[in-house]
Amino acid sequence: FLRGRLGRFAAIDAAVVASAVVGALRRTEPG
């Protein structure tokens, strides 16, 4: 039921968040 704008409140697997940390470290643009 958490679709569209409400999707930000959905539960997410911790392993996905951990992989996102690695993905963020691969980004180079400042800000």
PDB file of all heavy atoms in Angstrom:
ATOM      1  N   PHE A   1       0.808  -1.215   0.000  1.00  0.00           N
ATOM      2  CA  PHE A   1       0.000   0.000   0.000  1.00  0.00           C
ATOM      3  C   PHE A   1       0.848   1.275   0.000  1.00  0.00           C
ATOM      4  O   PHE A   1       0.302   2.366  -0.151  1.00  0.00           O
ATOM      5  CB  PHE A   1      -0.941   0.000   1.216  1.00  0.00           C
ATOM      6  CG  PHE A   1      -1.909  -1.136   1.191  1.00  0.00           C
ATOM      7  CD1 PHE A   1      -1.651  -2.288   1.917  1.00  0.00           C
ATOM      8  CD2 PHE A   1      -3.052  -1.081   0.407  1.00  0.00           C
ATOM      9  CE1 PHE A   1      -2.529  -3.350   1.883  1.00  0.00           C
ATOM     10  CE2 PHE A   1      -3.935  -2.144   0.366  1.00  0.00           C
ATOM     11  CZ  PHE A   1      -3.679  -3.285   1.098  1.00  0.00           C
ATOM     12  N   LEU A   2       2.128   1.123   0.167  1.00  0.00           N
ATOM     13  CA  LEU A   2       3.021   2.285   0.216  1.00  0.00           C
ATOM     14  C   LEU A   2       3.674   2.477  -1.148  1.00  0.00           C
ATOM     15  O   LEU A   2       4.821   2.114  -1.380  1.00  0.00           O
ATOM     16  CB  LEU A   2       4.069   2.117   1.322  1.00  0.00           C
ATOM     17  CG  LEU A   2       3.502   2.039   2.738  1.00  0.00           C
ATOM     18  CD1 LEU A   2       4.614   1.754   3.748  1.00  0.00           C
ATOM     19  CD2 LEU A   2       2.757   3.307   3.111  1.00  0.00           C
ATOM     20  N   ARG A   3       2.917   3.065  -2.040  1.00  0.00           N
ATOM     21  CA  ARG A   3       3.367   3.288  -3.413  1.00  0.00           C
ATOM     22  C   ARG A   3       3.471   4.782  -3.678  1.00  0.00           C
ATOM     23  O   ARG A   3       2.955   5.602  -2.916  1.00  0.00           O
ATOM     24  CB  ARG A   3       2.381   2.658  -4.405  1.00  0.00           C
ATOM     25  CG  ARG A   3       2.241   1.165  -4.256  1.00  0.00           C
ATOM     26  CD  ARG A   3       3.487   0.487  -4.705  1.00  0.00           C
ATOM     27  NE  ARG A   3       3.340  -0.955  -4.583  1.00  0.00           N
ATOM     28  CZ  ARG A   3       4.348  -1.766  -4.522  1.00  0.00           C
ATOM     29  NH1 ARG A   3       5.568  -1.312  -4.558  1.00  0.00           N
ATOM     30  NH2 ARG A   3       4.159  -3.054  -4.416  1.00  0.00           N
ATOM     31  N   GLY A   4       4.123   5.130  -4.783  1.00  0.00           N
ATOM     32  CA  GLY A   4       4.249   6.534  -5.144  1.00  0.00           C
ATOM     33  C   GLY A   4       5.001   7.299  -4.073  1.00  0.00           C
ATOM     34  O   GLY A   4       6.031   6.855  -3.576  1.00  0.00           O
ATOM     35  N   ARG A   5       4.458   8.447  -3.677  1.00  0.00           N
ATOM     36  CA  ARG A   5       5.118   9.296  -2.677  1.00  0.00           C
ATOM     37  C   ARG A   5       5.238   8.610  -1.323  1.00  0.00           C
ATOM     38  O   ARG A   5       6.118   8.926  -0.535  1.00  0.00           O
ATOM     39  CB  ARG A   5       4.365  10.609  -2.540  1.00  0.00           C
ATOM     40  CG  ARG A   5       4.499  11.489  -3.769  1.00  0.00           C
ATOM     41  CD  ARG A   5       3.719  12.751  -3.655  1.00  0.00           C
ATOM     42  NE  ARG A   5       3.971  13.403  -2.372  1.00  0.00           N
ATOM     43  CZ  ARG A   5       3.494  14.562  -2.022  1.00  0.00           C
ATOM     44  NH1 ARG A   5       2.734  15.225  -2.856  1.00  0.00           N
ATOM     45  NH2 ARG A   5       3.759  15.077  -0.843  1.00  0.00           N
ATOM     46  N   LEU A   6       4.339   7.676  -1.044  1.00  0.00           N
ATOM     47  CA  LEU A   6       4.388   6.968   0.239  1.00  0.00           C
ATOM     48  C   LEU A   6       5.453   5.876   0.267  1.00  0.00           C
ATOM     49  O   LEU A   6       5.768   5.340   1.325  1.00  0.00           O
ATOM     50  CB  LEU A   6       3.021   6.358   0.561  1.00  0.00           C
ATOM     51  CG  LEU A   6       1.887   7.348   0.808  1.00  0.00           C
ATOM     52  CD1 LEU A   6       0.575   6.600   1.042  1.00  0.00           C
ATOM     53  CD2 LEU A   6       2.204   8.242   1.997  1.00  0.00           C
ATOM     54  N   GLY A   7       6.023   5.557  -0.890  1.00  0.00           N
ATOM     55  CA  GLY A   7       7.035   4.506  -0.972  1.00  0.00           C
ATOM     56  C   GLY A   7       8.252   4.770  -0.104  1.00  0.00           C
ATOM     57  O   GLY A   7       8.943   3.840   0.311  1.00  0.00           O
ATOM     58  N   ARG A   8       8.487   6.016   0.215  1.00  0.00           N
ATOM     59  CA  ARG A   8       9.647   6.349   1.056  1.00  0.00           C
ATOM     60  C   ARG A   8       9.501   5.806   2.470  1.00  0.00           C
ATOM     61  O   ARG A   8      10.480   5.638   3.175  1.00  0.00           O
ATOM     62  CB  ARG A   8       9.898   7.848   1.075  1.00  0.00           C
ATOM     63  CG  ARG A   8       8.828   8.647   1.757  1.00  0.00           C
ATOM     64  CD  ARG A   8       9.029  10.155   1.493  1.00  0.00           C
ATOM     65  NE  ARG A   8       8.247  10.936   2.425  1.00  0.00           N
ATOM     66  CZ  ARG A   8       8.762  11.782   3.304  1.00  0.00           C
ATOM     67  NH1 ARG A   8      10.054  11.978   3.357  1.00  0.00           N
ATOM     68  NH2 ARG A   8       7.983  12.439   4.128  1.00  0.00           N
ATOM     69  N   PHE A   9       8.260   5.504   2.889  1.00  0.00           N
ATOM     70  CA  PHE A   9       8.014   4.980   4.228  1.00  0.00           C
ATOM     71  C   PHE A   9       8.034   3.447   4.291  1.00  0.00           C
ATOM     72  O   PHE A   9       7.934   2.876   5.369  1.00  0.00           O
ATOM     73  CB  PHE A   9       6.663   5.479   4.758  1.00  0.00           C
ATOM     74  CG  PHE A   9       6.609   6.962   4.912  1.00  0.00           C
ATOM     75  CD1 PHE A   9       5.924   7.743   4.008  1.00  0.00           C
ATOM     76  CD2 PHE A   9       7.279   7.583   5.962  1.00  0.00           C
ATOM     77  CE1 PHE A   9       5.875   9.119   4.142  1.00  0.00           C
ATOM     78  CE2 PHE A   9       7.240   8.956   6.112  1.00  0.00           C
ATOM     79  CZ  PHE A   9       6.537   9.732   5.190  1.00  0.00           C
ATOM     80  N   ALA A  10       8.163   2.796   3.163  1.00  0.00           N
ATOM     81  CA  ALA A  10       8.125   1.337   3.121  1.00  0.00           C
ATOM     82  C   ALA A  10       9.339   0.734   3.831  1.00  0.00           C
ATOM     83  O   ALA A  10      10.409   1.347   3.915  1.00  0.00           O
ATOM     84  CB  ALA A  10       8.087   0.850   1.668  1.00  0.00           C
ATOM     85  N   ALA A  11       9.163  -0.464   4.347  1.00  0.00           N
ATOM     86  CA  ALA A  11      10.278  -1.206   4.947  1.00  0.00           C
ATOM     87  C   ALA A  11      11.247  -1.597   3.838  1.00  0.00           C
ATOM     88  O   ALA A  11      10.854  -1.799   2.688  1.00  0.00           O
ATOM     89  CB  ALA A  11       9.756  -2.436   5.673  1.00  0.00           C
ATOM     90  N   ILE A  12      12.513  -1.710   4.196  1.00  0.00           N
ATOM     91  CA  ILE A  12      13.554  -2.046   3.227  1.00  0.00           C
ATOM     92  C   ILE A  12      14.558  -2.967   3.908  1.00  0.00           C
ATOM     93  O   ILE A  12      14.819  -2.845   5.103  1.00  0.00           O
ATOM     94  CB  ILE A  12      14.229  -0.762   2.686  1.00  0.00           C
ATOM     95  CG1 ILE A  12      15.190  -1.063   1.536  1.00  0.00           C
ATOM     96  CG2 ILE A  12      14.881   0.030   3.799  1.00  0.00           C
ATOM     97  CD1 ILE A  12      15.656   0.196   0.792  1.00  0.00           C
ATOM     98  N   ASP A  13      15.103  -3.894   3.156  1.00  0.00           N
ATOM     99  CA  ASP A  13      16.071  -4.832   3.718  1.00  0.00           C
ATOM    100  C   ASP A  13      17.375  -4.118   4.072  1.00  0.00           C
ATOM    101  O   ASP A  13      17.907  -3.324   3.283  1.00  0.00           O
ATOM    102  CB  ASP A  13      16.365  -5.959   2.735  1.00  0.00           C
ATOM    103  CG  ASP A  13      15.189  -6.892   2.544  1.00  0.00           C
ATOM    104  OD1 ASP A  13      14.324  -6.952   3.436  1.00  0.00           O
ATOM    105  OD2 ASP A  13      15.133  -7.550   1.490  1.00  0.00           O
ATOM    106  N   ALA A  14      17.895  -4.416   5.244  1.00  0.00           N
ATOM    107  CA  ALA A  14      19.151  -3.818   5.698  1.00  0.00           C
ATOM    108  C   ALA A  14      20.286  -4.132   4.724  1.00  0.00           C
ATOM    109  O   ALA A  14      21.177  -3.302   4.519  1.00  0.00           O
ATOM    110  CB  ALA A  14      19.489  -4.303   7.105  1.00  0.00           C
ATOM    111  N   ALA A  15      20.257  -5.308   4.098  1.00  0.00           N
ATOM    112  CA  ALA A  15      21.303  -5.674   3.141  1.00  0.00           C
ATOM    113  C   ALA A  15      21.286  -4.751   1.929  1.00  0.00           C
ATOM    114  O   ALA A  15      22.346  -4.429   1.369  1.00  0.00           O
ATOM    115  CB  ALA A  15      21.134  -7.126   2.701  1.00  0.00           C
ATOM    116  N   VAL A  16      20.110  -4.293   1.523  1.00  0.00           N
ATOM    117  CA  VAL A  16      20.010  -3.347   0.408  1.00  0.00           C
ATOM    118  C   VAL A  16      20.623  -2.011   0.816  1.00  0.00           C
ATOM    119  O   VAL A  16      21.355  -1.383   0.049  1.00  0.00           O
ATOM    120  CB  VAL A  16      18.541  -3.175  -0.045  1.00  0.00           C
ATOM    121  CG1 VAL A  16      18.392  -2.049  -1.054  1.00  0.00           C
ATOM    122  CG2 VAL A  16      18.000  -4.479  -0.617  1.00  0.00           C
ATOM    123  N   VAL A  17      20.340  -1.576   2.039  1.00  0.00           N
ATOM    124  CA  VAL A  17      20.914  -0.320   2.529  1.00  0.00           C
ATOM    125  C   VAL A  17      22.441  -0.429   2.596  1.00  0.00           C
ATOM    126  O   VAL A  17      23.156   0.489   2.193  1.00  0.00           O
ATOM    127  CB  VAL A  17      20.310   0.067   3.897  1.00  0.00           C
ATOM    128  CG1 VAL A  17      20.971   1.318   4.456  1.00  0.00           C
ATOM    129  CG2 VAL A  17      18.798   0.277   3.757  1.00  0.00           C
ATOM    130  N   ALA A  18      22.948  -1.557   3.061  1.00  0.00           N
ATOM    131  CA  ALA A  18      24.402  -1.759   3.118  1.00  0.00           C
ATOM    132  C   ALA A  18      25.009  -1.700   1.718  1.00  0.00           C
ATOM    133  O   ALA A  18      26.062  -1.077   1.515  1.00  0.00           O
ATOM    134  CB  ALA A  18      24.719  -3.090   3.790  1.00  0.00           C
ATOM    135  N   SER A  19      24.353  -2.316   0.745  1.00  0.00           N
ATOM    136  CA  SER A  19      24.846  -2.257  -0.638  1.00  0.00           C
ATOM    137  C   SER A  19      24.792  -0.833  -1.179  1.00  0.00           C
ATOM    138  O   SER A  19      25.648  -0.421  -1.965  1.00  0.00           O
ATOM    139  CB  SER A  19      24.020  -3.176  -1.538  1.00  0.00           C
ATOM    140  OG  SER A  19      24.248  -4.525  -1.199  1.00  0.00           O
ATOM    141  N   ALA A  20      23.802  -0.058  -0.741  1.00  0.00           N
ATOM    142  CA  ALA A  20      23.691   1.335  -1.171  1.00  0.00           C
ATOM    143  C   ALA A  20      24.835   2.175  -0.626  1.00  0.00           C
ATOM    144  O   ALA A  20      25.285   3.116  -1.295  1.00  0.00           O
ATOM    145  CB  ALA A  20      22.350   1.916  -0.738  1.00  0.00           C
ATOM    146  N   VAL A  21      25.316   1.852   0.564  1.00  0.00           N
ATOM    147  CA  VAL A  21      26.480   2.561   1.113  1.00  0.00           C
ATOM    148  C   VAL A  21      27.658   2.379   0.157  1.00  0.00           C
ATOM    149  O   VAL A  21      28.346   3.343  -0.203  1.00  0.00           O
ATOM    150  CB  VAL A  21      26.825   2.069   2.537  1.00  0.00           C
ATOM    151  CG1 VAL A  21      28.174   2.611   2.986  1.00  0.00           C
ATOM    152  CG2 VAL A  21      25.730   2.454   3.523  1.00  0.00           C
ATOM    153  N   VAL A  22      27.877   1.155  -0.290  1.00  0.00           N
ATOM    154  CA  VAL A  22      28.963   0.876  -1.236  1.00  0.00           C
ATOM    155  C   VAL A  22      28.715   1.627  -2.541  1.00  0.00           C
ATOM    156  O   VAL A  22      29.628   2.242  -3.098  1.00  0.00           O
ATOM    157  CB  VAL A  22      29.099  -0.641  -1.483  1.00  0.00           C
ATOM    158  CG1 VAL A  22      30.126  -0.934  -2.564  1.00  0.00           C
ATOM    159  CG2 VAL A  22      29.450  -1.355  -0.193  1.00  0.00           C
ATOM    160  N   GLY A  23      27.470   1.618  -3.009  1.00  0.00           N
ATOM    161  CA  GLY A  23      27.129   2.341  -4.235  1.00  0.00           C
ATOM    162  C   GLY A  23      27.378   3.833  -4.108  1.00  0.00           C
ATOM    163  O   GLY A  23      27.867   4.470  -5.047  1.00  0.00           O
ATOM    164  N   ALA A  24      27.055   4.398  -2.957  1.00  0.00           N
ATOM    165  CA  ALA A  24      27.287   5.829  -2.737  1.00  0.00           C
ATOM    166  C   ALA A  24      28.774   6.143  -2.783  1.00  0.00           C
ATOM    167  O   ALA A  24      29.180   7.191  -3.301  1.00  0.00           O
ATOM    168  CB  ALA A  24      26.689   6.262  -1.400  1.00  0.00           C
ATOM    169  N   LEU A  25      29.589   5.252  -2.253  1.00  0.00           N
ATOM    170  CA  LEU A  25      31.036   5.472  -2.252  1.00  0.00           C
ATOM    171  C   LEU A  25      31.631   5.429  -3.655  1.00  0.00           C
ATOM    172  O   LEU A  25      32.727   5.945  -3.880  1.00  0.00           O
ATOM    173  CB  LEU A  25      31.726   4.455  -1.344  1.00  0.00           C
ATOM    174  CG  LEU A  25      31.462   4.659   0.145  1.00  0.00           C
ATOM    175  CD1 LEU A  25      31.964   3.474   0.949  1.00  0.00           C
ATOM    176  CD2 LEU A  25      32.087   5.957   0.630  1.00  0.00           C
ATOM    177  N   ARG A  26      30.911   4.852  -4.587  1.00  0.00           N
ATOM    178  CA  ARG A  26      31.380   4.801  -5.981  1.00  0.00           C
ATOM    179  C   ARG A  26      31.069   6.092  -6.730  1.00  0.00           C
ATOM    180  O   ARG A  26      31.619   6.325  -7.807  1.00  0.00           O
ATOM    181  CB  ARG A  26      30.747   3.618  -6.696  1.00  0.00           C
ATOM    182  CG  ARG A  26      31.262   2.289  -6.192  1.00  0.00           C
ATOM    183  CD  ARG A  26      30.740   1.139  -7.030  1.00  0.00           C
ATOM    184  NE  ARG A  26      31.356  -0.085  -6.591  1.00  0.00           N
ATOM    185  CZ  ARG A  26      30.689  -1.169  -6.221  1.00  0.00           C
ATOM    186  NH1 ARG A  26      29.370  -1.198  -6.274  1.00  0.00           N
ATOM    187  NH2 ARG A  26      31.330  -2.248  -5.822  1.00  0.00           N
ATOM    188  N   ARG A  27      30.183   6.899  -6.190  1.00  0.00           N
ATOM    189  CA  ARG A  27      29.811   8.159  -6.833  1.00  0.00           C
ATOM    190  C   ARG A  27      30.893   9.204  -6.572  1.00  0.00           C
ATOM    191  O   ARG A  27      31.477   9.233  -5.492  1.00  0.00           O
ATOM    192  CB  ARG A  27      28.478   8.677  -6.297  1.00  0.00           C
ATOM    193  CG  ARG A  27      27.306   7.746  -6.506  1.00  0.00           C
ATOM    194  CD  ARG A  27      26.879   7.801  -7.974  1.00  0.00           C
ATOM    195  NE  ARG A  27      25.809   6.880  -8.260  1.00  0.00           N
ATOM    196  CZ  ARG A  27      24.545   7.251  -8.422  1.00  0.00           C
ATOM    197  NH1 ARG A  27      24.179   8.496  -8.281  1.00  0.00           N
ATOM    198  NH2 ARG A  27      23.635   6.342  -8.731  1.00  0.00           N
ATOM    199  N   THR A  28      31.123  10.078  -7.541  1.00  0.00           N
ATOM    200  CA  THR A  28      32.216  11.042  -7.387  1.00  0.00           C
ATOM    201  C   THR A  28      31.766  12.498  -7.386  1.00  0.00           C
ATOM    202  O   THR A  28      32.532  13.362  -6.959  1.00  0.00           O
ATOM    203  CB  THR A  28      33.253  10.850  -8.504  1.00  0.00           C
ATOM    204  OG1 THR A  28      32.608  11.019  -9.769  1.00  0.00           O
ATOM    205  CG2 THR A  28      33.905   9.480  -8.414  1.00  0.00           C
ATOM    206  N   GLU A  29      30.570  12.791  -7.862  1.00  0.00           N
ATOM    207  CA  GLU A  29      30.157  14.192  -7.940  1.00  0.00           C
ATOM    208  C   GLU A  29      30.029  14.795  -6.535  1.00  0.00           C
ATOM    209  O   GLU A  29      29.543  14.153  -5.623  1.00  0.00           O
ATOM    210  CB  GLU A  29      28.871  14.368  -8.750  1.00  0.00           C
ATOM    211  CG  GLU A  29      27.672  13.598  -8.267  1.00  0.00           C
ATOM    212  CD  GLU A  29      27.580  12.160  -8.777  1.00  0.00           C
ATOM    213  OE1 GLU A  29      28.581  11.599  -9.254  1.00  0.00           O
ATOM    214  OE2 GLU A  29      26.482  11.594  -8.661  1.00  0.00           O
ATOM    215  N   PRO A  30      30.497  16.024  -6.356  1.00  0.00           N
ATOM    216  CA  PRO A  30      30.457  16.648  -5.034  1.00  0.00           C
ATOM    217  C   PRO A  30      29.050  17.126  -4.673  1.00  0.00           C
ATOM    218  O   PRO A  30      28.208  17.330  -5.544  1.00  0.00           O
ATOM    219  CB  PRO A  30      31.415  17.835  -5.180  1.00  0.00           C
ATOM    220  CG  PRO A  30      31.389  18.170  -6.636  1.00  0.00           C
ATOM    221  CD  PRO A  30      31.161  16.874  -7.357  1.00  0.00           C
ATOM    222  N   GLY A  31      28.815  17.278  -3.374  1.00  0.00           N
ATOM    223  CA  GLY A  31      27.549  17.818  -2.902  1.00  0.00           C
ATOM    224  C   GLY A  31      26.991  17.014  -1.745  1.00  0.00           C
ATOM    225  O   GLY A  31      27.630  16.083  -1.247  1.00  0.00           O
TER     226      GLY A  31
END
